[in-house]
Structures are given as structure tokens and as C-alpha cells.
Amino acid sequence: MGKGKVSQGGGSLTEDDIEAMSKKWGMSVEESKKNMLQMLKDQLEKK
């Protein structure tokens, strides 16, 4: 991991990025994290 925040062209998804996405999505940070976790679980189950 590393090389800066996704929102600034880097390769790491940071808390700041999640906060920015949450605002755009109209969700709380916790809701966004739960949503991302569920999406990751769904993707892993497909394999």
C-alpha cells in the first residue's frame, strides 16, 4: 500500500477518501464502510 490517497491520484484508499465518497453518496462513513465491506464479500464469494 502507499503512494498517496486515491482522491489525489495515489493508490491507497484512506479515511479521507471514504469520507469524501460518503458525502457524494449521501451516506454516513459507517454506512459507506459497511456497503464496501459487503461488496467485497460478495466479490470474494463469486470466486
PDB file of N, CA and C in Angstrom:
ATOM      1  N   MET A   1       0.842  -1.179   0.000  1.00  0.00           N
ATOM      2  CA  MET A   1       0.000   0.000   0.000  1.00  0.00           C
ATOM      3  C   MET A   1       0.884   1.238   0.000  1.00  0.00           C
ATOM      4  N   GLY A   2       0.273   2.330  -0.287  1.00  0.00           N
ATOM      5  CA  GLY A   2       1.009   3.570  -0.222  1.00  0.00           C
ATOM      6  C   GLY A   2       0.868   4.410  -1.462  1.00  0.00           C
ATOM      7  N   LYS A   3       1.775   5.328  -1.593  1.00  0.00           N
ATOM      8  CA  LYS A   3       1.830   6.243  -2.730  1.00  0.00           C
ATOM      9  C   LYS A   3       0.669   7.218  -2.772  1.00  0.00           C
ATOM     10  N   GLY A   4       0.123   7.601  -1.638  1.00  0.00           N
ATOM     11  CA  GLY A   4      -0.874   8.659  -1.587  1.00  0.00           C
ATOM     12  C   GLY A   4      -2.316   8.203  -1.644  1.00  0.00           C
ATOM     13  N   LYS A   5      -3.187   9.157  -1.403  1.00  0.00           N
ATOM     14  CA  LYS A   5      -4.628   8.913  -1.373  1.00  0.00           C
ATOM     15  C   LYS A   5      -5.173   8.721  -2.782  1.00  0.00           C
ATOM     16  N   VAL A   6      -6.195   7.894  -2.905  1.00  0.00           N
ATOM     17  CA  VAL A   6      -6.859   7.684  -4.182  1.00  0.00           C
ATOM     18  C   VAL A   6      -7.372   9.013  -4.732  1.00  0.00           C
ATOM     19  N   SER A   7      -7.945   9.833  -3.868  1.00  0.00           N
ATOM     20  CA  SER A   7      -8.512  11.112  -4.307  1.00  0.00           C
ATOM     21  C   SER A   7      -7.458  12.083  -4.829  1.00  0.00           C
ATOM     22  N   GLN A   8      -6.203  11.796  -4.552  1.00  0.00           N
ATOM     23  CA  GLN A   8      -5.122  12.655  -5.028  1.00  0.00           C
ATOM     24  C   GLN A   8      -4.239  11.925  -6.037  1.00  0.00           C
ATOM     25  N   GLY A   9      -4.787  10.876  -6.660  1.00  0.00           N
ATOM     26  CA  GLY A   9      -4.053  10.152  -7.688  1.00  0.00           C
ATOM     27  C   GLY A   9      -3.163   9.044  -7.170  1.00  0.00           C
ATOM     28  N   GLY A  10      -3.247   8.752  -5.887  1.00  0.00           N
ATOM     29  CA  GLY A  10      -2.426   7.700  -5.299  1.00  0.00           C
ATOM     30  C   GLY A  10      -3.102   6.348  -5.352  1.00  0.00           C
ATOM     31  N   GLY A  11      -2.513   5.386  -4.676  1.00  0.00           N
ATOM     32  CA  GLY A  11      -3.011   4.025  -4.726  1.00  0.00           C
ATOM     33  C   GLY A  11      -3.620   3.499  -3.444  1.00  0.00           C
ATOM     34  N   SER A  12      -3.793   4.350  -2.445  1.00  0.00           N
ATOM     35  CA  SER A  12      -4.321   3.890  -1.159  1.00  0.00           C
ATOM     36  C   SER A  12      -5.666   4.535  -0.864  1.00  0.00           C
ATOM     37  N   LEU A  13      -6.635   3.723  -0.515  1.00  0.00           N
ATOM     38  CA  LEU A  13      -7.941   4.225  -0.096  1.00  0.00           C
ATOM     39  C   LEU A  13      -7.831   4.575   1.382  1.00  0.00           C
ATOM     40  N   THR A  14      -7.963   5.852   1.699  1.00  0.00           N
ATOM     41  CA  THR A  14      -7.772   6.327   3.065  1.00  0.00           C
ATOM     42  C   THR A  14      -9.094   6.755   3.685  1.00  0.00           C
ATOM     43  N   GLU A  15      -9.048   7.046   4.956  1.00  0.00           N
ATOM     44  CA  GLU A  15     -10.225   7.528   5.672  1.00  0.00           C
ATOM     45  C   GLU A  15     -10.762   8.811   5.024  1.00  0.00           C
ATOM     46  N   ASP A  16      -9.863   9.684   4.589  1.00  0.00           N
ATOM     47  CA  ASP A  16     -10.285  10.917   3.908  1.00  0.00           C
ATOM     48  C   ASP A  16     -11.049  10.606   2.626  1.00  0.00           C
ATOM     49  N   ASP A  17     -10.589   9.612   1.871  1.00  0.00           N
ATOM     50  CA  ASP A  17     -11.278   9.212   0.644  1.00  0.00           C
ATOM     51  C   ASP A  17     -12.672   8.676   0.957  1.00  0.00           C
ATOM     52  N   ILE A  18     -12.766   7.857   1.995  1.00  0.00           N
ATOM     53  CA  ILE A  18     -14.055   7.281   2.381  1.00  0.00           C
ATOM     54  C   ILE A  18     -15.014   8.381   2.819  1.00  0.00           C
ATOM     55  N   GLU A  19     -14.510   9.355   3.555  1.00  0.00           N
ATOM     56  CA  GLU A  19     -15.350  10.480   3.971  1.00  0.00           C
ATOM     57  C   GLU A  19     -15.857  11.255   2.756  1.00  0.00           C
ATOM     58  N   ALA A  20     -14.991  11.493   1.783  1.00  0.00           N
ATOM     59  CA  ALA A  20     -15.386  12.219   0.570  1.00  0.00           C
ATOM     60  C   ALA A  20     -16.435  11.435  -0.220  1.00  0.00           C
ATOM     61  N   MET A  21     -16.224  10.127  -0.360  1.00  0.00           N
ATOM     62  CA  MET A  21     -17.194   9.292  -1.078  1.00  0.00           C
ATOM     63  C   MET A  21     -18.530   9.265  -0.354  1.00  0.00           C
ATOM     64  N   SER A  22     -18.483   9.187   0.962  1.00  0.00           N
ATOM     65  CA  SER A  22     -19.707   9.147   1.757  1.00  0.00           C
ATOM     66  C   SER A  22     -20.553  10.388   1.513  1.00  0.00           C
ATOM     67  N   LYS A  23     -19.910  11.528   1.481  1.00  0.00           N
ATOM     68  CA  LYS A  23     -20.630  12.783   1.219  1.00  0.00           C
ATOM     69  C   LYS A  23     -21.274  12.750  -0.163  1.00  0.00           C
ATOM     70  N   LYS A  24     -20.526  12.286  -1.164  1.00  0.00           N
ATOM     71  CA  LYS A  24     -21.051  12.218  -2.532  1.00  0.00           C
ATOM     72  C   LYS A  24     -22.205  11.230  -2.638  1.00  0.00           C
ATOM     73  N   TRP A  25     -22.125  10.134  -1.888  1.00  0.00           N
ATOM     74  CA  TRP A  25     -23.152   9.103  -1.926  1.00  0.00           C
ATOM     75  C   TRP A  25     -24.346   9.435  -1.033  1.00  0.00           C
ATOM     76  N   GLY A  26     -24.214  10.453  -0.181  1.00  0.00           N
ATOM     77  CA  GLY A  26     -25.283  10.803   0.754  1.00  0.00           C
ATOM     78  C   GLY A  26     -25.429   9.779   1.868  1.00  0.00           C
ATOM     79  N   MET A  27     -24.308   9.214   2.301  1.00  0.00           N
ATOM     80  CA  MET A  27     -24.298   8.181   3.334  1.00  0.00           C
ATOM     81  C   MET A  27     -23.360   8.604   4.457  1.00  0.00           C
ATOM     82  N   SER A  28     -23.545   7.973   5.616  1.00  0.00           N
ATOM     83  CA  SER A  28     -22.585   8.189   6.696  1.00  0.00           C
ATOM     84  C   SER A  28     -21.326   7.381   6.377  1.00  0.00           C
ATOM     85  N   VAL A  29     -20.246   7.714   7.048  1.00  0.00           N
ATOM     86  CA  VAL A  29     -18.995   6.978   6.845  1.00  0.00           C
ATOM     87  C   VAL A  29     -19.198   5.510   7.212  1.00  0.00           C
ATOM     88  N   GLU A  30     -19.896   5.260   8.308  1.00  0.00           N
ATOM     89  CA  GLU A  30     -20.128   3.872   8.731  1.00  0.00           C
ATOM     90  C   GLU A  30     -20.959   3.114   7.695  1.00  0.00           C
ATOM     91  N   GLU A  31     -21.999   3.751   7.157  1.00  0.00           N
ATOM     92  CA  GLU A  31     -22.814   3.109   6.121  1.00  0.00           C
ATOM     93  C   GLU A  31     -21.966   2.793   4.891  1.00  0.00           C
ATOM     94  N   SER A  32     -21.112   3.717   4.512  1.00  0.00           N
ATOM     95  CA  SER A  32     -20.246   3.515   3.349  1.00  0.00           C
ATOM     96  C   SER A  32     -19.295   2.347   3.567  1.00  0.00           C
ATOM     97  N   LYS A  33     -18.704   2.280   4.751  1.00  0.00           N
ATOM     98  CA  LYS A  33     -17.780   1.184   5.055  1.00  0.00           C
ATOM     99  C   LYS A  33     -18.501  -0.156   5.041  1.00  0.00           C
ATOM    100  N   LYS A  34     -19.707  -0.200   5.616  1.00  0.00           N
ATOM    101  CA  LYS A  34     -20.486  -1.443   5.605  1.00  0.00           C
ATOM    102  C   LYS A  34     -20.834  -1.838   4.178  1.00  0.00           C
ATOM    103  N   ASN A  35     -21.200  -0.853   3.356  1.00  0.00           N
ATOM    104  CA  ASN A  35     -21.524  -1.104   1.959  1.00  0.00           C
ATOM    105  C   ASN A  35     -20.308  -1.651   1.216  1.00  0.00           C
ATOM    106  N   MET A  36     -19.148  -1.035   1.411  1.00  0.00           N
ATOM    107  CA  MET A  36     -17.921  -1.504   0.751  1.00  0.00           C
ATOM    108  C   MET A  36     -17.551  -2.906   1.215  1.00  0.00           C
ATOM    109  N   LEU A  37     -17.691  -3.165   2.510  1.00  0.00           N
ATOM    110  CA  LEU A  37     -17.378  -4.491   3.045  1.00  0.00           C
ATOM    111  C   LEU A  37     -18.277  -5.549   2.415  1.00  0.00           C
ATOM    112  N   GLN A  38     -19.568  -5.252   2.310  1.00  0.00           N
ATOM    113  CA  GLN A  38     -20.499  -6.208   1.719  1.00  0.00           C
ATOM    114  C   GLN A  38     -20.175  -6.450   0.249  1.00  0.00           C
ATOM    115  N   MET A  39     -19.828  -5.395  -0.470  1.00  0.00           N
ATOM    116  CA  MET A  39     -19.464  -5.555  -1.883  1.00  0.00           C
ATOM    117  C   MET A  39     -18.221  -6.425  -2.028  1.00  0.00           C
ATOM    118  N   LEU A  40     -17.234  -6.233  -1.153  1.00  0.00           N
ATOM    119  CA  LEU A  40     -16.025  -7.063  -1.195  1.00  0.00           C
ATOM    120  C   LEU A  40     -16.344  -8.520  -0.876  1.00  0.00           C
ATOM    121  N   LYS A  41     -17.179  -8.750   0.133  1.00  0.00           N
ATOM    122  CA  LYS A  41     -17.573 -10.120   0.484  1.00  0.00           C
ATOM    123  C   LYS A  41     -18.282 -10.784  -0.688  1.00  0.00           C
ATOM    124  N   ASP A  42     -19.192 -10.041  -1.336  1.00  0.00           N
ATOM    125  CA  ASP A  42     -19.916 -10.585  -2.486  1.00  0.00           C
ATOM    126  C   ASP A  42     -18.956 -10.963  -3.605  1.00  0.00           C
ATOM    127  N   GLN A  43     -17.964 -10.134  -3.863  1.00  0.00           N
ATOM    128  CA  GLN A  43     -16.990 -10.418  -4.914  1.00  0.00           C
ATOM    129  C   GLN A  43     -16.158 -11.651  -4.577  1.00  0.00           C
ATOM    130  N   LEU A  44     -15.761 -11.784  -3.319  1.00  0.00           N
ATOM    131  CA  LEU A  44     -14.948 -12.931  -2.914  1.00  0.00           C
ATOM    132  C   LEU A  44     -15.738 -14.232  -2.970  1.00  0.00           C
ATOM    133  N   GLU A  45     -17.031 -14.170  -2.690  1.00  0.00           N
ATOM    134  CA  GLU A  45     -17.862 -15.373  -2.744  1.00  0.00           C
ATOM    135  C   GLU A  45     -18.020 -15.882  -4.169  1.00  0.00           C
ATOM    136  N   LYS A  46     -17.915 -15.002  -5.150  1.00  0.00           N
ATOM    137  CA  LYS A  46     -18.072 -15.388  -6.550  1.00  0.00           C
ATOM    138  C   LYS A  46     -16.910 -16.231  -7.043  1.00  0.00           C
ATOM    139  N   LYS A  47     -15.760 -16.147  -6.380  1.00  0.00           N
ATOM    140  CA  LYS A  47     -14.560 -16.859  -6.845  1.00  0.00           C
ATOM    141  C   LYS A  47     -14.518 -18.275  -6.388  1.00  0.00           C
TER     142      LYS A  47
END
